[in-house]
Amino acid sequence: MKKITFLFFLLATTVGFSQQQQYNLGFETGSPSGVLTNWTTFENPNPGAEIVTNPDPDGVNTSATTKVLKINATQGSACYAGIINFHGTLGTWQLDSAVPSNQTLSMKVNKSIAGKVGIKFVNATNGTVFEITDNQGLVTTTNQWVTLTWNISGFNVGENVNIDQVVVFVDFTCGGPDRTSDVQLLVDDITWGANRLTDPVSCSDGIQNGSETGVDCGGTLCAPCPGQEPLVAAPNPPARNPSDVVSIYSNAYSNVTLSELPTGWSQLGTFTPIQITGNDTWKILGCEFIGMVTNYATGVDLSTMENFHIDYWTPSTNPISVKIVNTVDGGEALAPLGPVVTGSWQTIDLPMSTFTGNITNKTKITQLLIDPSAPSTLFIDNFYFYKGLPLSTNNFQASNVKLYPNPATNVLNIVSAQTIEKVTIYNLLGQSVISQTPNTELVTLDVESLQVGVYVVKTSINGNVSSTKFIKE
């Protein structure tokens, strides 16, 4: 019996680690590498990324129909700016130094300026397996497809387990001269051999796997599950004279400086600033109350403010209040937000007289609290105090922007009677997947590489931003 058991274990082990596979990230539609939302760029200012049809068929990549990854980095981007896939989107793998195909990695590139392209593998616990930024990645022939090959046989054996991320450094200048211009890098066919350990996580396989909190939804990779998180950002507040607003948190106005956020005495699970369709939002889990401090010496002056505004989204039913505190002269006041509505953004505007308590001096508000009656999940945006009437919007309406066809498969057209200064498409995770500054009245976008689903299109015209949903099919 012991011999049979041992033989079974040996076979299982052999099978489990003999799934040699030739990986090729070709960025084609329908492949994990071809889903732009599986990738993110890094380092400020972030390089922009797109998946496009090969714009320069020549050299070692003459196909005019193949899809490629296009990365644009500004001259001022960090010396190690680049792109990386999210954990789990390509599955996991392990290198075997005894297998020849596991000893090299190759990549087709087309670079607008001479310089080095770097490569890096990272495992599922963020451990670096290898990082190569030497002259193996040097490109001297510009604006033409060439093949780069790196020797990866000297990987760190201690970290060589559950590798699941590929990093490409666009124009690695660390330790050398600064780049002298913007740079465009086209990438195709990142190829290497490895033992396949797990398959890529899918948000459309009909099962709950990976980091998903529901079937094909939630977690770090998939769109939020209905009812758990907002799928779109809070509404844009009306434009007001800056002197009429004291903003605590909003993209629409200049915010006061908060010396503590959240305070050490806050009672909550986690506080995370996130983006929803490109809009900054507070995500607060397990919130009994979250406190913030303006300035303990002087505070902020709310004495002339007539109203306060806040947008919230919650799946919880617990009543919510806002509290203001003056720790200089003493006193605090509480304002209930009224009946709670779950599962949609709620815009609350209430007069300052809603605040009741023993506060007598509103010129030195040093603390503010958002205070549910019981632990709650909250999303907060546009928290500010104001007076007077909003400014004119120059009769701008979202209906001035039209999208067609909608749904769209390959091409999305955006048209307006006025110049479209900027257009950005966001997925439901709040990630920008396409962004352009056309300065034209008609914009045509290639959306073929986008994953099937719902997206939000934000357009900027005369400084006014409107949001419209579009469906990719």
Protein backbone atom coordinates (compact mmCIF):
# COMPACT_ATOMS: atom_id res chain seq x y z
CA MET A 1 0.00 0.00 0.00
CA LYS A 2 2.82 2.39 0.80
CA LYS A 3 4.43 1.74 -2.59
CA ILE A 4 1.15 2.39 -4.45
CA THR A 5 0.55 5.58 -2.48
CA PHE A 6 4.06 6.81 -3.16
CA LEU A 7 3.75 6.04 -6.87
CA PHE A 8 0.47 7.99 -7.06
CA PHE A 9 2.07 10.96 -5.28
CA LEU A 10 5.04 10.83 -7.65
CA LEU A 11 2.78 10.78 -10.72
CA ALA A 12 0.64 13.63 -9.38
CA THR A 13 3.74 15.66 -8.66
CA THR A 14 5.18 14.97 -12.09
CA VAL A 15 1.96 15.90 -13.84
CA GLY A 16 1.50 19.00 -11.68
CA PHE A 17 4.89 20.41 -12.67
CA SER A 18 5.27 19.16 -16.24
CA GLN A 19 2.74 21.39 -17.95
CA GLN A 20 5.31 23.16 -20.07
CA GLN A 21 3.73 25.90 -22.12
CA GLN A 22 4.99 28.43 -24.60
CA TYR A 23 3.54 31.77 -23.49
CA ASN A 24 2.90 34.43 -26.11
CA LEU A 25 1.31 37.74 -25.20
CA GLY A 26 0.04 38.84 -28.60
CA PHE A 27 -2.63 41.34 -27.42
CA GLU A 28 -5.24 39.86 -29.77
CA THR A 29 -8.94 40.38 -29.07
CA GLY A 30 -10.31 37.65 -26.80
CA SER A 31 -6.96 36.77 -25.23
CA PRO A 32 -6.09 37.73 -21.62
CA SER A 33 -3.24 39.95 -22.83
CA GLY A 34 -5.62 41.64 -25.29
CA VAL A 35 -7.88 43.00 -22.54
CA LEU A 36 -6.60 46.51 -21.79
CA THR A 37 -8.20 46.54 -18.32
CA ASN A 38 -5.89 43.66 -17.37
CA TRP A 39 -3.00 46.15 -17.54
CA THR A 40 -2.06 49.31 -15.70
CA THR A 41 0.69 51.86 -16.26
CA PHE A 42 2.77 53.28 -13.44
CA GLU A 43 4.85 56.26 -12.36
CA ASN A 44 3.81 59.90 -12.46
CA PRO A 45 3.05 61.25 -14.97
CA ASN A 46 1.60 57.89 -16.02
CA PRO A 47 2.33 56.72 -19.52
CA GLY A 48 -0.85 56.11 -21.48
CA ALA A 49 -1.59 52.68 -22.97
CA GLU A 50 -3.83 51.40 -25.75
CA ILE A 51 -4.28 48.14 -27.68
CA VAL A 52 -4.36 49.08 -31.36
CA THR A 53 -4.02 47.60 -34.82
CA ASN A 54 -0.35 47.58 -35.81
CA PRO A 55 0.23 51.18 -37.04
CA ASP A 56 3.68 50.50 -38.57
CA PRO A 57 3.91 47.10 -40.30
CA ASP A 58 7.59 46.62 -41.14
CA GLY A 59 10.74 44.90 -39.90
CA VAL A 60 9.94 41.71 -37.97
CA ASN A 61 6.24 42.56 -37.67
CA THR A 62 4.80 43.11 -41.14
CA SER A 63 1.17 42.22 -40.36
CA ALA A 64 -1.19 45.15 -40.82
CA THR A 65 -4.00 43.40 -38.92
CA THR A 66 -2.30 42.18 -35.76
CA LYS A 67 -3.04 43.89 -32.44
CA VAL A 68 -0.20 45.47 -30.49
CA LEU A 69 0.24 47.25 -27.16
CA LYS A 70 0.94 50.97 -27.58
CA ILE A 71 2.46 52.89 -24.67
CA ASN A 72 3.09 56.64 -24.70
CA ALA A 73 5.33 58.07 -21.99
CA THR A 74 6.10 61.75 -21.58
CA GLN A 75 9.62 63.09 -21.41
CA GLY A 76 9.12 63.81 -17.71
CA SER A 77 7.91 60.33 -16.79
CA ALA A 78 10.00 58.46 -14.24
CA CYS A 79 13.11 56.71 -15.55
CA TYR A 80 11.43 53.37 -14.80
CA ALA A 81 7.91 54.18 -16.04
CA GLY A 82 6.15 51.22 -17.56
CA ILE A 83 3.23 48.84 -17.64
CA ILE A 84 2.26 45.75 -15.63
CA ASN A 85 -0.63 43.29 -15.74
CA PHE A 86 -2.86 42.81 -12.69
CA HIS A 87 -2.34 39.74 -10.51
CA GLY A 88 -4.14 36.67 -11.83
CA THR A 89 -5.00 38.01 -15.29
CA LEU A 90 -2.41 35.78 -17.01
CA GLY A 91 -2.57 32.83 -14.59
CA THR A 92 0.55 31.65 -12.75
CA TRP A 93 3.68 29.89 -13.96
CA GLN A 94 7.10 28.66 -12.83
CA LEU A 95 10.41 28.75 -14.67
CA ASP A 96 12.57 25.61 -14.96
CA SER A 97 16.23 26.37 -15.61
CA ALA A 98 16.75 22.87 -17.03
CA VAL A 99 14.35 23.54 -19.91
CA PRO A 100 15.93 25.54 -22.79
CA SER A 101 12.71 27.40 -23.62
CA ASN A 102 12.60 28.69 -20.00
CA GLN A 103 16.00 30.36 -20.33
CA THR A 104 15.13 33.22 -22.67
CA LEU A 105 12.37 35.79 -23.17
CA SER A 106 11.82 37.62 -26.44
CA MET A 107 9.69 40.56 -27.46
CA LYS A 108 8.98 42.49 -30.63
CA VAL A 109 9.22 46.25 -30.12
CA ASN A 110 8.96 49.41 -32.18
CA LYS A 111 10.40 52.40 -30.34
CA SER A 112 10.28 56.06 -31.35
CA ILE A 113 13.61 56.94 -29.73
CA ALA A 114 16.79 55.00 -29.07
CA GLY A 115 17.17 53.57 -25.59
CA LYS A 116 16.65 50.54 -23.38
CA VAL A 117 13.48 48.52 -22.85
CA GLY A 118 13.45 46.65 -19.55
CA ILE A 119 11.67 43.47 -18.50
CA LYS A 120 10.64 42.06 -15.13
CA PHE A 121 8.73 39.06 -13.70
CA VAL A 122 6.87 39.35 -10.38
CA ASN A 123 5.24 36.57 -8.37
CA ALA A 124 1.83 36.53 -6.71
CA THR A 125 3.23 37.87 -3.43
CA ASN A 126 4.93 40.81 -5.20
CA GLY A 127 8.37 39.20 -5.08
CA THR A 128 10.70 40.10 -7.95
CA VAL A 129 11.82 36.98 -9.81
CA PHE A 130 14.13 38.90 -12.13
CA GLU A 131 14.55 42.44 -13.43
CA ILE A 132 16.73 43.02 -16.49
CA THR A 133 17.41 46.60 -17.57
CA ASP A 134 20.82 46.24 -19.20
CA ASN A 135 21.82 46.51 -22.86
CA GLN A 136 20.05 43.28 -23.77
CA GLY A 137 17.03 45.56 -24.19
CA LEU A 138 18.84 48.32 -26.09
CA VAL A 139 17.01 49.59 -29.19
CA THR A 140 19.15 51.46 -31.73
CA THR A 141 16.89 51.17 -34.80
CA THR A 142 13.97 53.51 -34.21
CA ASN A 143 10.45 53.46 -35.67
CA GLN A 144 10.86 49.90 -36.94
CA TRP A 145 9.92 46.54 -35.48
CA VAL A 146 12.87 44.62 -34.03
CA THR A 147 13.16 41.59 -31.75
CA LEU A 148 14.75 41.84 -28.31
CA THR A 149 15.90 38.71 -26.45
CA TRP A 150 16.84 38.50 -22.77
CA ASN A 151 18.70 35.71 -20.96
CA ILE A 152 16.48 34.85 -17.97
CA SER A 153 18.30 31.69 -16.90
CA GLY A 154 19.75 33.41 -13.83
CA PHE A 155 16.42 33.99 -12.09
CA ASN A 156 16.18 34.08 -8.28
CA VAL A 157 15.25 30.50 -7.36
CA GLY A 158 13.91 31.58 -3.96
CA GLU A 159 11.20 33.71 -5.58
CA ASN A 160 10.53 31.45 -8.55
CA VAL A 161 7.02 30.33 -7.58
CA ASN A 162 3.55 31.46 -8.71
CA ILE A 163 4.87 34.05 -11.12
CA ASP A 164 1.91 36.02 -12.48
CA GLN A 165 3.02 39.48 -13.58
CA VAL A 166 5.04 40.81 -16.51
CA VAL A 167 6.50 44.32 -16.32
CA VAL A 168 7.74 46.25 -19.34
CA PHE A 169 9.84 49.37 -18.69
CA VAL A 170 9.14 51.69 -21.63
CA ASP A 171 12.41 53.63 -21.77
CA PHE A 172 14.69 52.71 -18.87
CA THR A 173 17.00 55.67 -18.25
CA CYS A 174 17.81 55.19 -14.55
CA GLY A 175 21.52 55.69 -13.97
CA GLY A 176 21.96 57.32 -17.38
CA PRO A 177 21.08 60.54 -19.19
CA ASP A 178 17.50 61.78 -18.92
CA ARG A 179 15.32 61.23 -21.96
CA THR A 180 15.13 64.24 -24.22
CA SER A 181 11.64 63.75 -25.69
CA ASP A 182 8.40 61.88 -25.31
CA VAL A 183 8.54 58.23 -26.28
CA GLN A 184 6.16 55.80 -27.96
CA LEU A 185 6.70 52.07 -27.53
CA LEU A 186 4.82 49.43 -29.51
CA VAL A 187 5.00 45.89 -28.09
CA ASP A 188 3.95 42.54 -29.56
CA ASP A 189 4.60 38.83 -28.99
CA ILE A 190 6.17 38.73 -25.53
CA THR A 191 7.28 35.08 -25.59
CA TRP A 192 8.78 32.68 -23.06
CA GLY A 193 8.43 29.08 -21.90
CA ALA A 194 7.38 28.00 -18.40
CA ASN A 195 5.52 25.42 -16.35
CA ARG A 196 1.87 26.51 -16.30
CA LEU A 197 0.51 26.32 -12.75
CA THR A 198 -2.93 27.97 -13.05
CA ASP A 199 -5.06 29.41 -15.84
CA PRO A 200 -5.92 33.12 -16.10
CA VAL A 201 -8.78 34.37 -13.95
CA SER A 202 -11.85 35.07 -16.07
CA CYS A 203 -14.72 37.44 -15.32
CA SER A 204 -16.97 35.57 -17.73
CA ASP A 205 -16.55 31.87 -16.93
CA GLY A 206 -19.74 31.52 -14.87
CA ILE A 207 -17.99 30.62 -11.61
CA GLN A 208 -16.73 32.55 -8.60
CA ASN A 209 -12.94 32.35 -8.65
CA GLY A 210 -9.84 34.43 -8.04
CA SER A 211 -10.62 37.53 -5.98
CA GLU A 212 -14.27 37.66 -7.09
CA THR A 213 -16.84 38.38 -4.39
CA GLY A 214 -19.64 37.05 -6.57
CA VAL A 215 -19.98 35.04 -9.76
CA ASP A 216 -17.90 36.93 -12.35
CA CYS A 217 -18.07 40.16 -10.35
CA GLY A 218 -16.38 41.99 -7.50
CA GLY A 219 -12.81 41.70 -6.24
CA THR A 220 -9.81 43.40 -7.82
CA LEU A 221 -10.30 42.33 -11.45
CA CYS A 222 -14.01 42.19 -12.24
CA ALA A 223 -16.72 44.82 -12.28
CA PRO A 224 -18.47 45.40 -8.94
CA CYS A 225 -21.38 43.12 -8.12
CA PRO A 226 -24.78 44.83 -8.36
CA GLY A 227 -25.76 46.35 -5.01
CA GLN A 228 -22.26 46.12 -3.49
CA GLU A 229 -20.57 49.17 -4.98
CA PRO A 230 -21.51 52.09 -7.23
CA LEU A 231 -20.89 51.43 -10.92
CA VAL A 232 -20.72 55.12 -11.82
CA ALA A 233 -19.32 58.19 -10.11
CA ALA A 234 -21.33 60.64 -8.05
CA PRO A 235 -23.09 63.38 -10.05
CA ASN A 236 -21.06 66.45 -10.93
CA PRO A 237 -22.04 69.28 -8.55
CA PRO A 238 -23.02 72.68 -9.94
CA ALA A 239 -20.28 75.21 -10.62
CA ARG A 240 -20.00 77.85 -7.90
CA ASN A 241 -17.86 80.88 -7.21
CA PRO A 242 -14.79 79.54 -5.34
CA SER A 243 -15.23 82.22 -2.65
CA ASP A 244 -18.70 80.79 -1.94
CA VAL A 245 -17.43 77.28 -1.15
CA VAL A 246 -15.51 75.59 1.65
CA SER A 247 -14.76 72.18 0.18
CA ILE A 248 -13.70 69.27 2.33
CA TYR A 249 -13.51 66.71 -0.47
CA SER A 250 -14.45 67.13 -4.14
CA ASN A 251 -12.85 67.16 -7.56
CA ALA A 252 -15.07 70.14 -8.42
CA TYR A 253 -13.46 72.62 -6.00
CA SER A 254 -10.18 73.30 -4.22
CA ASN A 255 -10.23 71.40 -0.94
CA VAL A 256 -9.09 72.62 2.46
CA THR A 257 -6.01 70.94 3.89
CA LEU A 258 -6.86 68.04 6.19
CA SER A 259 -4.08 67.40 8.68
CA GLU A 260 -5.60 64.03 9.67
CA LEU A 261 -7.69 61.73 7.46
CA PRO A 262 -8.88 59.50 8.91
CA THR A 263 -8.08 60.38 12.51
CA GLY A 264 -6.58 57.81 14.84
CA TRP A 265 -9.78 57.83 16.86
CA SER A 266 -12.01 57.01 13.87
CA GLN A 267 -13.99 53.80 14.20
CA LEU A 268 -13.97 51.98 10.87
CA GLY A 269 -12.72 48.89 9.10
CA THR A 270 -10.84 50.38 6.17
CA PHE A 271 -10.65 53.76 4.46
CA THR A 272 -9.54 53.74 0.81
CA PRO A 273 -9.47 56.63 -1.67
CA ILE A 274 -10.52 55.11 -5.00
CA GLN A 275 -11.55 56.25 -8.45
CA ILE A 276 -14.93 55.49 -10.01
CA THR A 277 -15.00 56.26 -13.73
CA GLY A 278 -12.11 58.65 -13.16
CA ASN A 279 -13.64 60.47 -10.19
CA ASP A 280 -11.99 60.49 -6.74
CA THR A 281 -14.20 58.83 -4.13
CA TRP A 282 -13.86 57.73 -0.49
CA LYS A 283 -14.59 54.06 0.12
CA ILE A 284 -15.21 53.35 3.81
CA LEU A 285 -15.91 49.85 5.07
CA GLY A 286 -17.21 49.02 8.56
CA CYS A 287 -17.67 52.70 9.34
CA GLU A 288 -19.00 53.56 12.82
CA PHE A 289 -17.66 57.06 12.30
CA ILE A 290 -14.81 58.59 10.35
CA GLY A 291 -13.16 61.74 11.67
CA MET A 292 -11.03 64.32 9.92
CA VAL A 293 -9.06 67.29 11.26
CA THR A 294 -8.62 70.63 9.50
CA ASN A 295 -6.25 72.55 11.77
CA TYR A 296 -6.33 72.29 15.56
CA ALA A 297 -5.03 75.84 15.99
CA THR A 298 -7.32 77.79 13.66
CA GLY A 299 -9.83 75.39 12.04
CA VAL A 300 -11.89 76.54 9.04
CA ASP A 301 -14.50 79.28 8.95
CA LEU A 302 -18.04 78.07 8.18
CA SER A 303 -19.78 81.03 9.79
CA THR A 304 -20.96 82.56 6.48
CA MET A 305 -21.91 79.29 4.82
CA GLU A 306 -25.64 78.81 4.25
CA ASN A 307 -25.84 75.13 3.26
CA PHE A 308 -23.83 71.94 3.11
CA HIS A 309 -23.68 69.30 0.39
CA ILE A 310 -22.66 65.64 0.38
CA ASP A 311 -23.09 62.72 -2.02
CA TYR A 312 -23.22 59.22 -0.55
CA TRP A 313 -23.78 55.69 -1.82
CA THR A 314 -24.41 52.82 0.59
CA PRO A 315 -25.78 49.27 0.62
CA SER A 316 -26.45 49.70 4.37
CA THR A 317 -29.71 50.93 5.90
CA ASN A 318 -28.24 52.71 8.92
CA PRO A 319 -29.06 56.45 9.26
CA ILE A 320 -26.13 58.79 8.57
CA SER A 321 -25.24 62.14 10.17
CA VAL A 322 -22.54 64.75 9.70
CA LYS A 323 -20.94 66.37 12.74
CA ILE A 324 -18.89 69.58 13.02
CA VAL A 325 -16.70 70.29 16.06
CA ASN A 326 -14.92 73.36 17.45
CA THR A 327 -12.18 72.15 19.80
CA VAL A 328 -10.75 75.68 20.24
CA ASP A 329 -13.79 77.25 21.91
CA GLY A 330 -15.68 74.04 22.56
CA GLY A 331 -18.96 72.75 21.15
CA GLU A 332 -20.24 70.42 18.46
CA ALA A 333 -23.34 70.07 16.29
CA LEU A 334 -24.93 67.15 14.43
CA ALA A 335 -26.96 67.13 11.18
CA PRO A 336 -28.91 63.99 10.15
CA LEU A 337 -28.96 63.39 6.39
CA GLY A 338 -32.53 62.16 6.41
CA PRO A 339 -33.96 58.77 5.36
CA VAL A 340 -31.26 56.51 3.90
CA VAL A 341 -31.66 55.28 0.34
CA THR A 342 -29.51 52.28 -0.59
CA GLY A 343 -27.97 51.19 -3.87
CA SER A 344 -27.75 54.55 -5.66
CA TRP A 345 -26.00 57.89 -5.32
CA GLN A 346 -27.90 60.26 -3.05
CA THR A 347 -27.27 64.00 -3.32
CA ILE A 348 -27.96 65.82 -0.06
CA ASP A 349 -28.24 69.62 0.25
CA LEU A 350 -29.33 70.89 3.66
CA PRO A 351 -29.30 74.32 5.36
CA MET A 352 -26.71 74.92 8.08
CA SER A 353 -29.63 75.26 10.51
CA THR A 354 -29.92 71.46 10.27
CA PHE A 355 -26.90 71.27 12.57
CA THR A 356 -28.10 71.21 16.18
CA GLY A 357 -26.00 71.12 19.33
CA ASN A 358 -24.05 73.36 21.65
CA ILE A 359 -21.67 74.89 19.12
CA THR A 360 -21.69 78.71 19.21
CA ASN A 361 -18.66 79.61 17.10
CA LYS A 362 -18.50 78.26 13.53
CA THR A 363 -15.39 80.28 12.63
CA LYS A 364 -13.05 77.61 13.98
CA ILE A 365 -14.29 74.18 12.87
CA THR A 366 -11.39 71.89 13.61
CA GLN A 367 -13.02 68.45 13.24
CA LEU A 368 -15.66 66.92 10.97
CA LEU A 369 -17.21 63.48 11.26
CA ILE A 370 -19.36 61.29 9.05
CA ASP A 371 -21.32 59.26 11.56
CA PRO A 372 -23.61 56.31 10.70
CA SER A 373 -25.78 54.95 13.52
CA ALA A 374 -24.15 51.50 13.13
CA PRO A 375 -21.20 50.02 11.19
CA SER A 376 -21.81 50.69 7.50
CA THR A 377 -20.26 50.61 4.05
CA LEU A 378 -20.11 54.13 2.62
CA PHE A 379 -18.91 55.78 -0.57
CA ILE A 380 -18.54 59.55 -0.17
CA ASP A 381 -17.93 62.37 -2.66
CA ASN A 382 -18.53 66.13 -3.00
CA PHE A 383 -18.51 67.01 0.70
CA TYR A 384 -18.55 70.80 0.96
CA PHE A 385 -20.25 73.87 2.48
CA TYR A 386 -21.51 76.76 0.36
CA LYS A 387 -23.52 79.97 0.07
CA GLY A 388 -25.28 81.79 -2.75
CA LEU A 389 -26.47 80.51 -6.12
CA PRO A 390 -24.54 78.39 -8.65
CA LEU A 391 -22.91 79.98 -11.67
CA SER A 392 -24.42 79.80 -15.16
CA THR A 393 -23.55 76.63 -17.09
CA ASN A 394 -23.82 78.43 -20.47
CA ASN A 395 -26.80 76.28 -21.30
CA PHE A 396 -24.59 73.24 -21.74
CA GLN A 397 -26.48 69.95 -21.69
CA ALA A 398 -25.28 66.37 -21.80
CA SER A 399 -27.64 65.82 -24.72
CA ASN A 400 -25.34 68.03 -26.81
CA VAL A 401 -23.02 65.01 -27.01
CA LYS A 402 -24.20 62.06 -29.08
CA LEU A 403 -22.69 58.56 -29.33
CA TYR A 404 -23.25 56.18 -32.23
CA PRO A 405 -23.54 53.33 -32.81
CA ASN A 406 -24.48 52.36 -29.28
CA PRO A 407 -24.02 49.43 -28.67
CA ALA A 408 -20.77 49.40 -30.68
CA THR A 409 -18.53 46.54 -31.78
CA ASN A 410 -15.53 48.05 -33.55
CA VAL A 411 -15.89 51.83 -33.75
CA LEU A 412 -17.58 54.40 -31.52
CA ASN A 413 -18.32 57.89 -32.87
CA ILE A 414 -18.78 60.87 -30.56
CA VAL A 415 -20.21 64.04 -32.04
CA SER A 416 -21.01 67.48 -30.63
CA ALA A 417 -21.98 70.88 -31.97
CA GLN A 418 -19.02 72.26 -29.99
CA THR A 419 -15.35 71.31 -29.82
CA ILE A 420 -14.71 68.20 -27.76
CA GLU A 421 -11.58 69.01 -25.77
CA LYS A 422 -11.11 65.64 -24.11
CA VAL A 423 -12.79 62.25 -24.17
CA THR A 424 -12.07 59.40 -21.76
CA ILE A 425 -13.68 55.96 -21.60
CA TYR A 426 -13.77 54.22 -18.22
CA ASN A 427 -14.67 50.64 -17.41
CA LEU A 428 -16.83 49.84 -14.41
CA LEU A 429 -13.72 49.41 -12.24
CA GLY A 430 -13.03 53.13 -12.77
CA GLN A 431 -9.98 52.46 -14.95
CA SER A 432 -9.31 54.66 -17.96
CA VAL A 433 -9.15 52.40 -21.02
CA ILE A 434 -9.08 55.08 -23.75
CA SER A 435 -8.23 58.76 -23.43
CA GLN A 436 -7.78 61.37 -26.15
CA THR A 437 -7.65 65.17 -26.48
CA PRO A 438 -9.07 65.55 -30.01
CA ASN A 439 -10.16 69.22 -30.03
CA THR A 440 -12.61 68.40 -32.81
CA GLU A 441 -16.38 68.13 -33.08
CA LEU A 442 -16.30 64.50 -34.27
CA VAL A 443 -14.23 61.81 -32.55
CA THR A 444 -13.92 58.25 -33.88
CA LEU A 445 -12.55 55.70 -31.41
CA ASP A 446 -11.34 52.15 -32.07
CA VAL A 447 -13.09 50.09 -29.37
CA GLU A 448 -12.60 46.64 -30.90
CA SER A 449 -10.07 45.55 -28.26
CA LEU A 450 -12.33 46.48 -25.32
CA GLN A 451 -13.91 43.65 -23.39
CA VAL A 452 -17.67 43.19 -23.84
CA GLY A 453 -19.56 45.20 -21.23
CA VAL A 454 -20.76 48.63 -20.10
CA TYR A 455 -18.46 51.67 -20.15
CA VAL A 456 -18.77 55.34 -19.19
CA VAL A 457 -17.71 57.98 -21.71
CA LYS A 458 -16.70 61.34 -20.22
CA THR A 459 -16.43 64.31 -22.56
CA SER A 460 -15.13 67.78 -21.75
CA ILE A 461 -16.53 70.74 -23.71
CA ASN A 462 -15.86 74.35 -22.71
CA GLY A 463 -14.74 73.08 -19.31
CA ASN A 464 -18.04 71.24 -18.75
CA VAL A 465 -17.89 67.48 -18.25
CA SER A 466 -20.71 65.11 -19.17
CA SER A 467 -20.96 61.34 -18.73
CA THR A 468 -22.73 58.91 -21.05
CA LYS A 469 -22.89 55.12 -20.94
CA PHE A 470 -21.93 53.04 -23.93
CA ILE A 471 -22.18 49.29 -24.44
CA LYS A 472 -19.40 47.28 -26.10
CA GLU A 473 -20.70 44.11 -27.74
